[in-house]
Amino acid sequence: MNATKIRSEINQRLQQLSLASLLKGLRRTVKNLVLPLTGIVIFLFIWQIAASNIITSLGQFPGPSDVWQQSKTLVAEHHQERQKADAFYTRQEVRNAKKLAKNPQADVKIRAYTGKATYFDQIFTSLYTVMFGFLVATFIAIPLGIMCGLSENAYRAINPIIQTFKPVSPLAWLPLVTMVVSALYVSDEPMFEKAFLTSGFTVALCCLWPTVVNTIVGVASIDRDLIDVSRVLRLSSPVYIKTIVIPSAIPLIFTGLRLSLATGWMVLIAAEMLAQNPGLGKFIWDEFQNGSSSSLGRIMVAVVTIGIIGFILDQLMLALQKRVSWDKQAILR
């Protein structure tokens, strides 16, 4: 009798646990999926209503449906351009094969396809341009921030420079960077286009500061107990930086990196518009200058693309921060 009662209680507890787990999973699903989708649907509805009431000199302001149609058009144009490129290379291969059949010693060449860049080519150009600028800024900002965080004298010497140049607009840097690149980067066979370097270095100059400032704060706020332990162990400077400083400052360093990447992605679009680097900024500028009935829709596609890519880049940085952070229990958002 007692055994039957015990089994009954165990089954009851298991059912309660199963129900609790189900409710917990349901709450997690609502929080992580249903709420974001609800927000997106409400936003799209408001966007569509607002767009239907706005008439511009180029026609109706694009709503979500117009953006979707233009997205499909851009995908189709990309495929058409790829087909042209494939046909171009196929013709060269056929021509070269005939040449070699007549003369095995003939000098044959494959010329690069020089057709117009597609929308996806321009996305790729923007991505590697922003990564170039972001990496240049990171390699300067983190060591500089560590130095200023460890040395009061270095901080007092460099902080006025940081505070002076931190608020400078990319539009102010761009003409200066353009002139410097034109003067210093002179080559008959350049590895990089000048427009790429101009955009990349402008991004670097503007996304440098958030990482510098947050690294300084992170290093300067290391727990005093850790500093005392390092002194007792008589750690050398490189070992101290590697084992104490960087792990302790990682959360704020990554906060700076995330802000820098977001800043660089915003700055890049303006830089590409003016430097004519063939990325998303140039795409927006060309469509604005084109002024056709589809231009607003295509610009809006670019705006949405920029936002989505910015979100993905931030989430990638967040995932990397979770991976390298020593405190796995910390709540990161």
C-alpha atoms as a PDB file:
ATOM      1  CA  MET A   1       0.000   0.000   0.000  1.00  0.00           C
ATOM      2  CA  ASN A   2       2.822   2.302   0.942  1.00  0.00           C
ATOM      3  CA  ALA A   3       4.641   1.471  -2.322  1.00  0.00           C
ATOM      4  CA  THR A   4       1.500   2.293  -4.338  1.00  0.00           C
ATOM      5  CA  LYS A   5       1.135   5.603  -2.506  1.00  0.00           C
ATOM      6  CA  ILE A   6       4.787   6.478  -3.101  1.00  0.00           C
ATOM      7  CA  ARG A   7       4.499   5.683  -6.836  1.00  0.00           C
ATOM      8  CA  SER A   8       1.358   7.827  -7.034  1.00  0.00           C
ATOM      9  CA  GLU A   9       3.134  10.758  -5.397  1.00  0.00           C
ATOM     10  CA  ILE A  10       6.117  10.350  -7.717  1.00  0.00           C
ATOM     11  CA  ASN A  11       3.828  10.370 -10.772  1.00  0.00           C
ATOM     12  CA  GLN A  12       2.080  13.486  -9.449  1.00  0.00           C
ATOM     13  CA  ARG A  13       5.410  15.265  -8.939  1.00  0.00           C
ATOM     14  CA  LEU A  14       6.564  14.242 -12.437  1.00  0.00           C
ATOM     15  CA  GLN A  15       3.361  15.607 -13.950  1.00  0.00           C
ATOM     16  CA  GLN A  16       3.803  18.865 -12.038  1.00  0.00           C
ATOM     17  CA  LEU A  17       7.414  19.163 -13.198  1.00  0.00           C
ATOM     18  CA  SER A  18       6.387  18.388 -16.775  1.00  0.00           C
ATOM     19  CA  LEU A  19       3.658  21.049 -16.655  1.00  0.00           C
ATOM     20  CA  ALA A  20       6.074  23.578 -15.116  1.00  0.00           C
ATOM     21  CA  SER A  21       8.656  22.856 -17.820  1.00  0.00           C
ATOM     22  CA  LEU A  22       5.992  23.243 -20.504  1.00  0.00           C
ATOM     23  CA  LEU A  23       4.864  26.595 -19.101  1.00  0.00           C
ATOM     24  CA  LYS A  24       8.469  27.767 -18.791  1.00  0.00           C
ATOM     25  CA  GLY A  25       9.160  26.807 -22.414  1.00  0.00           C
ATOM     26  CA  LEU A  26       5.959  28.563 -23.518  1.00  0.00           C
ATOM     27  CA  ARG A  27       6.936  31.754 -21.681  1.00  0.00           C
ATOM     28  CA  ARG A  28      10.390  31.616 -23.266  1.00  0.00           C
ATOM     29  CA  THR A  29       8.829  31.188 -26.727  1.00  0.00           C
ATOM     30  CA  VAL A  30       6.506  34.159 -26.173  1.00  0.00           C
ATOM     31  CA  LYS A  31       9.402  36.292 -24.937  1.00  0.00           C
ATOM     32  CA  ASN A  32      11.892  35.348 -27.666  1.00  0.00           C
ATOM     33  CA  LEU A  33       9.629  34.883 -30.689  1.00  0.00           C
ATOM     34  CA  VAL A  34       6.061  36.098 -30.308  1.00  0.00           C
ATOM     35  CA  LEU A  35       6.872  39.527 -28.832  1.00  0.00           C
ATOM     36  CA  PRO A  36       9.506  40.446 -31.475  1.00  0.00           C
ATOM     37  CA  LEU A  37       7.184  39.279 -34.272  1.00  0.00           C
ATOM     38  CA  THR A  38       4.327  41.303 -32.794  1.00  0.00           C
ATOM     39  CA  GLY A  39       6.515  44.398 -32.701  1.00  0.00           C
ATOM     40  CA  ILE A  40       7.598  43.875 -36.313  1.00  0.00           C
ATOM     41  CA  VAL A  41       4.009  43.392 -37.534  1.00  0.00           C
ATOM     42  CA  ILE A  42       2.837  46.556 -35.744  1.00  0.00           C
ATOM     43  CA  PHE A  43       5.769  48.508 -37.197  1.00  0.00           C
ATOM     44  CA  LEU A  44       5.049  47.272 -40.745  1.00  0.00           C
ATOM     45  CA  PHE A  45       1.362  48.191 -40.363  1.00  0.00           C
ATOM     46  CA  ILE A  46       2.184  51.745 -39.190  1.00  0.00           C
ATOM     47  CA  TRP A  47       4.791  52.075 -41.975  1.00  0.00           C
ATOM     48  CA  GLN A  48       2.274  51.027 -44.646  1.00  0.00           C
ATOM     49  CA  ILE A  49      -0.395  53.432 -43.362  1.00  0.00           C
ATOM     50  CA  ALA A  50       2.076  56.334 -43.149  1.00  0.00           C
ATOM     51  CA  ALA A  51       3.572  55.619 -46.600  1.00  0.00           C
ATOM     52  CA  SER A  52       0.160  55.581 -48.268  1.00  0.00           C
ATOM     53  CA  ASN A  53      -0.395  59.178 -47.104  1.00  0.00           C
ATOM     54  CA  ILE A  54       2.949  60.600 -48.282  1.00  0.00           C
ATOM     55  CA  ILE A  55       3.329  61.801 -51.868  1.00  0.00           C
ATOM     56  CA  THR A  56       6.777  63.008 -52.965  1.00  0.00           C
ATOM     57  CA  SER A  57       8.071  64.558 -56.192  1.00  0.00           C
ATOM     58  CA  LEU A  58       9.053  61.025 -57.274  1.00  0.00           C
ATOM     59  CA  GLY A  59       5.670  59.530 -56.445  1.00  0.00           C
ATOM     60  CA  GLN A  60       4.263  57.535 -53.549  1.00  0.00           C
ATOM     61  CA  PHE A  61       6.587  56.964 -50.588  1.00  0.00           C
ATOM     62  CA  PRO A  62       7.458  53.247 -50.582  1.00  0.00           C
ATOM     63  CA  GLY A  63       5.690  50.975 -48.143  1.00  0.00           C
ATOM     64  CA  PRO A  64       6.675  47.422 -47.167  1.00  0.00           C
ATOM     65  CA  SER A  65       5.044  45.908 -50.282  1.00  0.00           C
ATOM     66  CA  ASP A  66       6.957  48.275 -52.610  1.00  0.00           C
ATOM     67  CA  VAL A  67      10.222  47.475 -50.810  1.00  0.00           C
ATOM     68  CA  TRP A  68       9.549  43.753 -51.233  1.00  0.00           C
ATOM     69  CA  GLN A  69       8.949  44.188 -54.974  1.00  0.00           C
ATOM     70  CA  GLN A  70      12.137  46.207 -55.426  1.00  0.00           C
ATOM     71  CA  SER A  71      14.054  43.584 -53.418  1.00  0.00           C
ATOM     72  CA  LYS A  72      12.958  40.912 -55.886  1.00  0.00           C
ATOM     73  CA  THR A  73      13.951  43.197 -58.777  1.00  0.00           C
ATOM     74  CA  LEU A  74      17.450  43.664 -57.329  1.00  0.00           C
ATOM     75  CA  VAL A  75      17.836  39.903 -56.891  1.00  0.00           C
ATOM     76  CA  ALA A  76      16.752  39.357 -60.505  1.00  0.00           C
ATOM     77  CA  GLU A  77      19.225  42.000 -61.727  1.00  0.00           C
ATOM     78  CA  HIS A  78      21.993  40.258 -59.781  1.00  0.00           C
ATOM     79  CA  HIS A  79      21.226  36.930 -61.471  1.00  0.00           C
ATOM     80  CA  GLN A  80      21.081  38.574 -64.913  1.00  0.00           C
ATOM     81  CA  GLU A  81      24.475  40.211 -64.362  1.00  0.00           C
ATOM     82  CA  ARG A  82      25.964  36.885 -63.241  1.00  0.00           C
ATOM     83  CA  GLN A  83      24.612  35.224 -66.380  1.00  0.00           C
ATOM     84  CA  LYS A  84      26.258  37.925 -68.492  1.00  0.00           C
ATOM     85  CA  ALA A  85      29.540  37.355 -66.667  1.00  0.00           C
ATOM     86  CA  ASP A  86      29.323  33.586 -67.206  1.00  0.00           C
ATOM     87  CA  ALA A  87      28.587  34.088 -70.908  1.00  0.00           C
ATOM     88  CA  PHE A  88      31.542  36.514 -71.165  1.00  0.00           C
ATOM     89  CA  TYR A  89      33.976  33.979 -69.689  1.00  0.00           C
ATOM     90  CA  THR A  90      32.499  31.142 -71.789  1.00  0.00           C
ATOM     91  CA  ARG A  91      33.114  33.128 -75.001  1.00  0.00           C
ATOM     92  CA  GLN A  92      36.728  33.712 -73.962  1.00  0.00           C
ATOM     93  CA  GLU A  93      37.260  30.031 -73.214  1.00  0.00           C
ATOM     94  CA  VAL A  94      35.830  29.018 -76.609  1.00  0.00           C
ATOM     95  CA  ARG A  95      37.966  31.617 -78.393  1.00  0.00           C
ATOM     96  CA  ASN A  96      41.096  30.540 -76.527  1.00  0.00           C
ATOM     97  CA  ALA A  97      40.392  26.870 -77.244  1.00  0.00           C
ATOM     98  CA  LYS A  98      40.212  27.629 -80.985  1.00  0.00           C
ATOM     99  CA  LYS A  99      43.453  29.612 -80.733  1.00  0.00           C
ATOM    100  CA  LEU A 100      45.259  26.774 -79.010  1.00  0.00           C
ATOM    101  CA  ALA A 101      43.891  24.238 -81.501  1.00  0.00           C
ATOM    102  CA  LYS A 102      45.506  26.207 -84.334  1.00  0.00           C
ATOM    103  CA  ASN A 103      48.677  27.082 -82.424  1.00  0.00           C
ATOM    104  CA  PRO A 104      49.474  25.216 -79.156  1.00  0.00           C
ATOM    105  CA  GLN A 105      52.095  27.868 -78.347  1.00  0.00           C
ATOM    106  CA  ALA A 106      49.641  30.758 -78.623  1.00  0.00           C
ATOM    107  CA  ASP A 107      49.496  33.237 -75.756  1.00  0.00           C
ATOM    108  CA  VAL A 108      45.935  33.181 -74.397  1.00  0.00           C
ATOM    109  CA  LYS A 109      44.483  35.494 -71.757  1.00  0.00           C
ATOM    110  CA  ILE A 110      41.339  35.606 -69.667  1.00  0.00           C
ATOM    111  CA  ARG A 111      40.153  39.171 -69.196  1.00  0.00           C
ATOM    112  CA  ALA A 112      38.167  40.125 -66.117  1.00  0.00           C
ATOM    113  CA  TYR A 113      34.480  40.936 -66.531  1.00  0.00           C
ATOM    114  CA  THR A 114      33.968  44.672 -66.098  1.00  0.00           C
ATOM    115  CA  GLY A 115      30.184  44.843 -65.952  1.00  0.00           C
ATOM    116  CA  LYS A 116      28.367  46.999 -63.430  1.00  0.00           C
ATOM    117  CA  ALA A 117      28.428  45.988 -59.775  1.00  0.00           C
ATOM    118  CA  THR A 118      25.197  44.412 -58.577  1.00  0.00           C
ATOM    119  CA  TYR A 119      23.440  45.235 -55.323  1.00  0.00           C
ATOM    120  CA  PHE A 120      25.007  42.211 -53.631  1.00  0.00           C
ATOM    121  CA  ASP A 121      28.464  43.200 -54.880  1.00  0.00           C
ATOM    122  CA  GLN A 122      27.928  46.598 -53.278  1.00  0.00           C
ATOM    123  CA  ILE A 123      26.863  45.008 -49.993  1.00  0.00           C
ATOM    124  CA  PHE A 124      30.072  42.953 -49.992  1.00  0.00           C
ATOM    125  CA  THR A 125      32.148  46.069 -50.766  1.00  0.00           C
ATOM    126  CA  SER A 126      30.600  47.914 -47.828  1.00  0.00           C
ATOM    127  CA  LEU A 127      31.177  44.973 -45.491  1.00  0.00           C
ATOM    128  CA  TYR A 128      34.874  44.555 -46.196  1.00  0.00           C
ATOM    129  CA  THR A 129      35.381  48.344 -46.169  1.00  0.00           C
ATOM    130  CA  VAL A 130      33.825  48.695 -42.716  1.00  0.00           C
ATOM    131  CA  MET A 131      35.775  45.681 -41.438  1.00  0.00           C
ATOM    132  CA  PHE A 132      39.020  47.216 -42.717  1.00  0.00           C
ATOM    133  CA  GLY A 133      38.323  50.495 -40.914  1.00  0.00           C
ATOM    134  CA  PHE A 134      37.077  48.722 -37.776  1.00  0.00           C
ATOM    135  CA  LEU A 135      40.178  46.498 -37.522  1.00  0.00           C
ATOM    136  CA  VAL A 136      42.532  49.447 -38.063  1.00  0.00           C
ATOM    137  CA  ALA A 137      40.725  51.340 -35.285  1.00  0.00           C
ATOM    138  CA  THR A 138      40.733  48.298 -32.962  1.00  0.00           C
ATOM    139  CA  PHE A 139      44.482  47.679 -33.303  1.00  0.00           C
ATOM    140  CA  ILE A 140      45.089  51.297 -32.313  1.00  0.00           C
ATOM    141  CA  ALA A 141      42.332  51.795 -29.731  1.00  0.00           C
ATOM    142  CA  ILE A 142      42.816  48.796 -27.425  1.00  0.00           C
ATOM    143  CA  PRO A 143      46.590  49.254 -26.791  1.00  0.00           C
ATOM    144  CA  LEU A 144      46.069  53.019 -26.435  1.00  0.00           C
ATOM    145  CA  GLY A 145      43.198  52.476 -23.989  1.00  0.00           C
ATOM    146  CA  ILE A 146      45.214  49.977 -21.928  1.00  0.00           C
ATOM    147  CA  MET A 147      48.146  52.392 -21.748  1.00  0.00           C
ATOM    148  CA  CYS A 148      45.939  55.298 -20.630  1.00  0.00           C
ATOM    149  CA  GLY A 149      44.072  53.097 -18.150  1.00  0.00           C
ATOM    150  CA  LEU A 150      47.291  51.893 -16.513  1.00  0.00           C
ATOM    151  CA  SER A 151      49.136  55.211 -16.495  1.00  0.00           C
ATOM    152  CA  GLU A 152      47.665  58.348 -14.955  1.00  0.00           C
ATOM    153  CA  ASN A 153      50.297  60.457 -16.707  1.00  0.00           C
ATOM    154  CA  ALA A 154      49.525  58.929 -20.116  1.00  0.00           C
ATOM    155  CA  TYR A 155      45.806  59.501 -19.515  1.00  0.00           C
ATOM    156  CA  ARG A 156      46.304  63.176 -18.638  1.00  0.00           C
ATOM    157  CA  ALA A 157      48.500  63.674 -21.712  1.00  0.00           C
ATOM    158  CA  ILE A 158      46.222  61.940 -24.218  1.00  0.00           C
ATOM    159  CA  ASN A 159      42.712  62.591 -22.844  1.00  0.00           C
ATOM    160  CA  PRO A 160      42.505  66.202 -24.195  1.00  0.00           C
ATOM    161  CA  ILE A 161      43.320  64.877 -27.679  1.00  0.00           C
ATOM    162  CA  ILE A 162      40.652  62.161 -27.365  1.00  0.00           C
ATOM    163  CA  GLN A 163      38.003  64.637 -26.173  1.00  0.00           C
ATOM    164  CA  THR A 164      38.915  67.074 -28.956  1.00  0.00           C
ATOM    165  CA  PHE A 165      38.677  64.676 -31.885  1.00  0.00           C
ATOM    166  CA  LYS A 166      35.917  62.385 -30.544  1.00  0.00           C
ATOM    167  CA  PRO A 167      32.993  64.594 -31.695  1.00  0.00           C
ATOM    168  CA  VAL A 168      34.403  65.428 -35.154  1.00  0.00           C
ATOM    169  CA  SER A 169      31.995  64.501 -37.959  1.00  0.00           C
ATOM    170  CA  PRO A 170      33.046  62.061 -40.713  1.00  0.00           C
ATOM    171  CA  LEU A 171      32.160  64.755 -43.240  1.00  0.00           C
ATOM    172  CA  ALA A 172      34.947  66.882 -41.744  1.00  0.00           C
ATOM    173  CA  TRP A 173      37.489  64.055 -41.861  1.00  0.00           C
ATOM    174  CA  LEU A 174      36.671  62.921 -45.392  1.00  0.00           C
ATOM    175  CA  PRO A 175      38.273  65.776 -47.405  1.00  0.00           C
ATOM    176  CA  LEU A 176      41.444  65.554 -45.301  1.00  0.00           C
ATOM    177  CA  VAL A 177      41.661  61.776 -45.655  1.00  0.00           C
ATOM    178  CA  THR A 178      41.045  62.070 -49.402  1.00  0.00           C
ATOM    179  CA  MET A 179      43.939  64.508 -49.816  1.00  0.00           C
ATOM    180  CA  VAL A 180      46.308  62.432 -47.668  1.00  0.00           C
ATOM    181  CA  VAL A 181      45.493  59.184 -49.510  1.00  0.00           C
ATOM    182  CA  SER A 182      45.910  60.898 -52.891  1.00  0.00           C
ATOM    183  CA  ALA A 183      49.277  62.335 -51.825  1.00  0.00           C
ATOM    184  CA  LEU A 184      50.758  59.236 -50.183  1.00  0.00           C
ATOM    185  CA  TYR A 185      49.208  56.319 -52.045  1.00  0.00           C
ATOM    186  CA  VAL A 186      50.759  56.588 -55.492  1.00  0.00           C
ATOM    187  CA  SER A 187      51.245  53.383 -57.479  1.00  0.00           C
ATOM    188  CA  ASP A 188      51.102  52.254 -61.098  1.00  0.00           C
ATOM    189  CA  GLU A 189      49.442  48.994 -60.018  1.00  0.00           C
ATOM    190  CA  PRO A 190      47.593  49.793 -56.775  1.00  0.00           C
ATOM    191  CA  MET A 191      46.468  46.914 -54.570  1.00  0.00           C
ATOM    192  CA  PHE A 192      43.491  48.938 -53.299  1.00  0.00           C
ATOM    193  CA  GLU A 193      41.324  51.600 -54.875  1.00  0.00           C
ATOM    194  CA  LYS A 194      41.771  55.083 -53.434  1.00  0.00           C
ATOM    195  CA  ALA A 195      38.030  55.349 -52.798  1.00  0.00           C
ATOM    196  CA  PHE A 196      38.226  52.183 -50.681  1.00  0.00           C
ATOM    197  CA  LEU A 197      41.141  53.505 -48.608  1.00  0.00           C
ATOM    198  CA  THR A 198      39.484  56.899 -48.177  1.00  0.00           C
ATOM    199  CA  SER A 199      36.264  55.325 -46.908  1.00  0.00           C
ATOM    200  CA  GLY A 200      38.100  52.793 -44.744  1.00  0.00           C
ATOM    201  CA  PHE A 201      40.355  55.307 -43.000  1.00  0.00           C
ATOM    202  CA  THR A 202      37.436  57.701 -42.467  1.00  0.00           C
ATOM    203  CA  VAL A 203      35.570  54.859 -40.754  1.00  0.00           C
ATOM    204  CA  ALA A 204      38.667  54.099 -38.649  1.00  0.00           C
ATOM    205  CA  LEU A 205      39.003  57.710 -37.486  1.00  0.00           C
ATOM    206  CA  CYS A 206      35.362  57.879 -36.419  1.00  0.00           C
ATOM    207  CA  CYS A 207      34.998  54.461 -34.736  1.00  0.00           C
ATOM    208  CA  LEU A 208      38.290  54.725 -32.852  1.00  0.00           C
ATOM    209  CA  TRP A 209      37.006  56.689 -29.871  1.00  0.00           C
ATOM    210  CA  PRO A 210      34.284  54.495 -28.283  1.00  0.00           C
ATOM    211  CA  THR A 211      36.758  51.622 -27.933  1.00  0.00           C
ATOM    212  CA  VAL A 212      39.486  53.893 -26.539  1.00  0.00           C
ATOM    213  CA  VAL A 213      37.184  55.444 -23.923  1.00  0.00           C
ATOM    214  CA  ASN A 214      35.596  52.157 -22.805  1.00  0.00           C
ATOM    215  CA  THR A 215      38.966  50.401 -22.649  1.00  0.00           C
ATOM    216  CA  ILE A 216      40.337  53.196 -20.439  1.00  0.00           C
ATOM    217  CA  VAL A 217      37.334  52.913 -18.101  1.00  0.00           C
ATOM    218  CA  GLY A 218      37.558  49.107 -18.023  1.00  0.00           C
ATOM    219  CA  VAL A 219      41.280  49.075 -17.208  1.00  0.00           C
ATOM    220  CA  ALA A 220      41.020  51.867 -14.648  1.00  0.00           C
ATOM    221  CA  SER A 221      38.211  50.099 -12.760  1.00  0.00           C
ATOM    222  CA  ILE A 222      40.008  46.776 -12.119  1.00  0.00           C
ATOM    223  CA  ASP A 223      39.248  45.316  -8.687  1.00  0.00           C
ATOM    224  CA  ARG A 224      41.824  46.460  -6.109  1.00  0.00           C
ATOM    225  CA  ASP A 225      42.107  42.909  -4.758  1.00  0.00           C
ATOM    226  CA  LEU A 226      43.336  41.706  -8.159  1.00  0.00           C
ATOM    227  CA  ILE A 227      45.897  44.517  -8.281  1.00  0.00           C
ATOM    228  CA  ASP A 228      47.136  43.596  -4.775  1.00  0.00           C
ATOM    229  CA  VAL A 229      47.434  39.924  -5.740  1.00  0.00           C
ATOM    230  CA  SER A 230      49.476  40.819  -8.829  1.00  0.00           C
ATOM    231  CA  ARG A 231      51.819  42.873  -6.660  1.00  0.00           C
ATOM    232  CA  VAL A 232      52.251  40.047  -4.164  1.00  0.00           C
ATOM    233  CA  LEU A 233      53.048  37.639  -7.014  1.00  0.00           C
ATOM    234  CA  ARG A 234      55.325  40.276  -8.587  1.00  0.00           C
ATOM    235  CA  LEU A 235      53.893  39.740 -12.039  1.00  0.00           C
ATOM    236  CA  SER A 236      55.777  41.301 -14.931  1.00  0.00           C
ATOM    237  CA  SER A 237      53.962  43.939 -16.980  1.00  0.00           C
ATOM    238  CA  PRO A 238      53.171  41.640 -19.964  1.00  0.00           C
ATOM    239  CA  VAL A 239      51.901  38.868 -17.650  1.00  0.00           C
ATOM    240  CA  TYR A 240      49.896  41.390 -15.588  1.00  0.00           C
ATOM    241  CA  ILE A 241      48.238  42.786 -18.704  1.00  0.00           C
ATOM    242  CA  LYS A 242      47.518  39.311 -20.098  1.00  0.00           C
ATOM    243  CA  THR A 243      46.205  37.661 -16.919  1.00  0.00           C
ATOM    244  CA  ILE A 244      44.653  40.550 -14.954  1.00  0.00           C
ATOM    245  CA  VAL A 245      44.029  43.624 -17.086  1.00  0.00           C
ATOM    246  CA  ILE A 246      42.522  42.200 -20.281  1.00  0.00           C
ATOM    247  CA  PRO A 247      40.211  39.599 -18.622  1.00  0.00           C
ATOM    248  CA  SER A 248      38.938  42.207 -16.144  1.00  0.00           C
ATOM    249  CA  ALA A 249      38.388  44.868 -18.801  1.00  0.00           C
ATOM    250  CA  ILE A 250      36.858  42.530 -21.432  1.00  0.00           C
ATOM    251  CA  PRO A 251      33.200  43.523 -20.760  1.00  0.00           C
ATOM    252  CA  LEU A 252      33.846  47.244 -21.259  1.00  0.00           C
ATOM    253  CA  ILE A 253      36.298  46.641 -24.121  1.00  0.00           C
ATOM    254  CA  PHE A 254      33.564  44.757 -25.975  1.00  0.00           C
ATOM    255  CA  THR A 255      31.021  47.452 -25.154  1.00  0.00           C
ATOM    256  CA  GLY A 256      33.393  49.877 -26.877  1.00  0.00           C
ATOM    257  CA  LEU A 257      33.930  47.526 -29.805  1.00  0.00           C
ATOM    258  CA  ARG A 258      30.191  47.138 -30.342  1.00  0.00           C
ATOM    259  CA  LEU A 259      29.695  50.914 -30.237  1.00  0.00           C
ATOM    260  CA  SER A 260      32.655  51.404 -32.582  1.00  0.00           C
ATOM    261  CA  LEU A 261      31.341  48.886 -35.108  1.00  0.00           C
ATOM    262  CA  ALA A 262      27.877  50.485 -35.065  1.00  0.00           C
ATOM    263  CA  THR A 263      29.453  53.933 -35.473  1.00  0.00           C
ATOM    264  CA  GLY A 264      31.683  52.721 -38.296  1.00  0.00           C
ATOM    265  CA  TRP A 265      28.736  51.162 -40.138  1.00  0.00           C
ATOM    266  CA  MET A 266      26.809  54.455 -39.933  1.00  0.00           C
ATOM    267  CA  VAL A 267      29.818  56.542 -40.961  1.00  0.00           C
ATOM    268  CA  LEU A 268      30.601  54.266 -43.895  1.00  0.00           C
ATOM    269  CA  ILE A 269      27.411  55.108 -45.799  1.00  0.00           C
ATOM    270  CA  ALA A 270      28.145  58.851 -45.760  1.00  0.00           C
ATOM    271  CA  ALA A 271      31.807  58.220 -46.627  1.00  0.00           C
ATOM    272  CA  GLU A 272      30.885  56.035 -49.607  1.00  0.00           C
ATOM    273  CA  MET A 273      28.458  58.636 -50.904  1.00  0.00           C
ATOM    274  CA  LEU A 274      31.183  61.274 -51.084  1.00  0.00           C
ATOM    275  CA  ALA A 275      34.220  59.089 -51.835  1.00  0.00           C
ATOM    276  CA  GLN A 276      32.263  57.109 -54.471  1.00  0.00           C
ATOM    277  CA  ASN A 277      33.438  53.790 -53.062  1.00  0.00           C
ATOM    278  CA  PRO A 278      31.158  51.269 -54.858  1.00  0.00           C
ATOM    279  CA  GLY A 279      29.211  50.178 -51.790  1.00  0.00           C
ATOM    280  CA  LEU A 280      25.760  50.779 -50.351  1.00  0.00           C
ATOM    281  CA  GLY A 281      26.417  54.497 -49.872  1.00  0.00           C
ATOM    282  CA  LYS A 282      27.169  54.942 -53.567  1.00  0.00           C
ATOM    283  CA  PHE A 283      24.095  52.828 -54.421  1.00  0.00           C
ATOM    284  CA  ILE A 284      21.862  55.194 -52.423  1.00  0.00           C
ATOM    285  CA  TRP A 285      23.472  58.271 -53.956  1.00  0.00           C
ATOM    286  CA  ASP A 286      23.171  56.910 -57.518  1.00  0.00           C
ATOM    287  CA  GLU A 287      19.498  56.060 -57.001  1.00  0.00           C
ATOM    288  CA  PHE A 288      18.837  59.524 -55.569  1.00  0.00           C
ATOM    289  CA  GLN A 289      20.513  61.113 -58.588  1.00  0.00           C
ATOM    290  CA  ASN A 290      18.635  58.778 -60.931  1.00  0.00           C
ATOM    291  CA  GLY A 291      15.278  60.098 -59.754  1.00  0.00           C
ATOM    292  CA  SER A 292      13.147  57.403 -61.382  1.00  0.00           C
ATOM    293  CA  SER A 293       9.793  56.198 -60.074  1.00  0.00           C
ATOM    294  CA  SER A 294      11.497  53.140 -58.531  1.00  0.00           C
ATOM    295  CA  SER A 295      14.345  55.075 -56.897  1.00  0.00           C
ATOM    296  CA  LEU A 296      12.626  55.643 -53.542  1.00  0.00           C
ATOM    297  CA  GLY A 297      11.759  51.967 -53.249  1.00  0.00           C
ATOM    298  CA  ARG A 298      15.321  50.915 -54.045  1.00  0.00           C
ATOM    299  CA  ILE A 299      16.724  53.431 -51.544  1.00  0.00           C
ATOM    300  CA  MET A 300      14.370  52.042 -48.912  1.00  0.00           C
ATOM    301  CA  VAL A 301      15.619  48.530 -49.681  1.00  0.00           C
ATOM    302  CA  ALA A 302      19.137  49.796 -48.965  1.00  0.00           C
ATOM    303  CA  VAL A 303      17.973  51.435 -45.714  1.00  0.00           C
ATOM    304  CA  VAL A 304      16.419  48.172 -44.510  1.00  0.00           C
ATOM    305  CA  THR A 305      19.518  46.227 -45.618  1.00  0.00           C
ATOM    306  CA  ILE A 306      21.795  48.609 -43.697  1.00  0.00           C
ATOM    307  CA  GLY A 307      19.672  48.163 -40.573  1.00  0.00           C
ATOM    308  CA  ILE A 308      19.559  44.364 -40.819  1.00  0.00           C
ATOM    309  CA  ILE A 309      23.316  44.090 -41.425  1.00  0.00           C
ATOM    310  CA  GLY A 310      23.978  46.450 -38.494  1.00  0.00           C
ATOM    311  CA  PHE A 311      21.819  44.240 -36.261  1.00  0.00           C
ATOM    312  CA  ILE A 312      23.615  41.073 -37.427  1.00  0.00           C
ATOM    313  CA  LEU A 313      27.056  42.633 -36.866  1.00  0.00           C
ATOM    314  CA  ASP A 314      26.065  43.645 -33.333  1.00  0.00           C
ATOM    315  CA  GLN A 315      24.778  40.143 -32.559  1.00  0.00           C
ATOM    316  CA  LEU A 316      28.008  38.606 -33.885  1.00  0.00           C
ATOM    317  CA  MET A 317      30.015  40.885 -31.587  1.00  0.00           C
ATOM    318  CA  LEU A 318      27.742  39.938 -28.683  1.00  0.00           C
ATOM    319  CA  ALA A 319      28.251  36.224 -29.404  1.00  0.00           C
ATOM    320  CA  LEU A 320      32.020  36.756 -29.560  1.00  0.00           C
ATOM    321  CA  GLN A 321      31.900  38.642 -26.240  1.00  0.00           C
ATOM    322  CA  LYS A 322      30.027  35.749 -24.603  1.00  0.00           C
ATOM    323  CA  ARG A 323      32.624  33.326 -25.926  1.00  0.00           C
ATOM    324  CA  VAL A 324      35.722  35.182 -24.682  1.00  0.00           C
ATOM    325  CA  SER A 325      34.303  36.612 -21.436  1.00  0.00           C
ATOM    326  CA  TRP A 326      35.457  34.856 -18.256  1.00  0.00           C
ATOM    327  CA  ASP A 327      32.148  35.509 -16.482  1.00  0.00           C
ATOM    328  CA  LYS A 328      29.783  33.088 -18.211  1.00  0.00           C
ATOM    329  CA  GLN A 329      26.942  33.987 -15.812  1.00  0.00           C
ATOM    330  CA  ALA A 330      26.929  37.672 -16.774  1.00  0.00           C
ATOM    331  CA  ILE A 331      23.794  38.932 -18.548  1.00  0.00           C
ATOM    332  CA  LEU A 332      24.878  40.433 -21.875  1.00  0.00           C
ATOM    333  CA  ARG A 333      22.515  42.354 -24.145  1.00  0.00           C
END
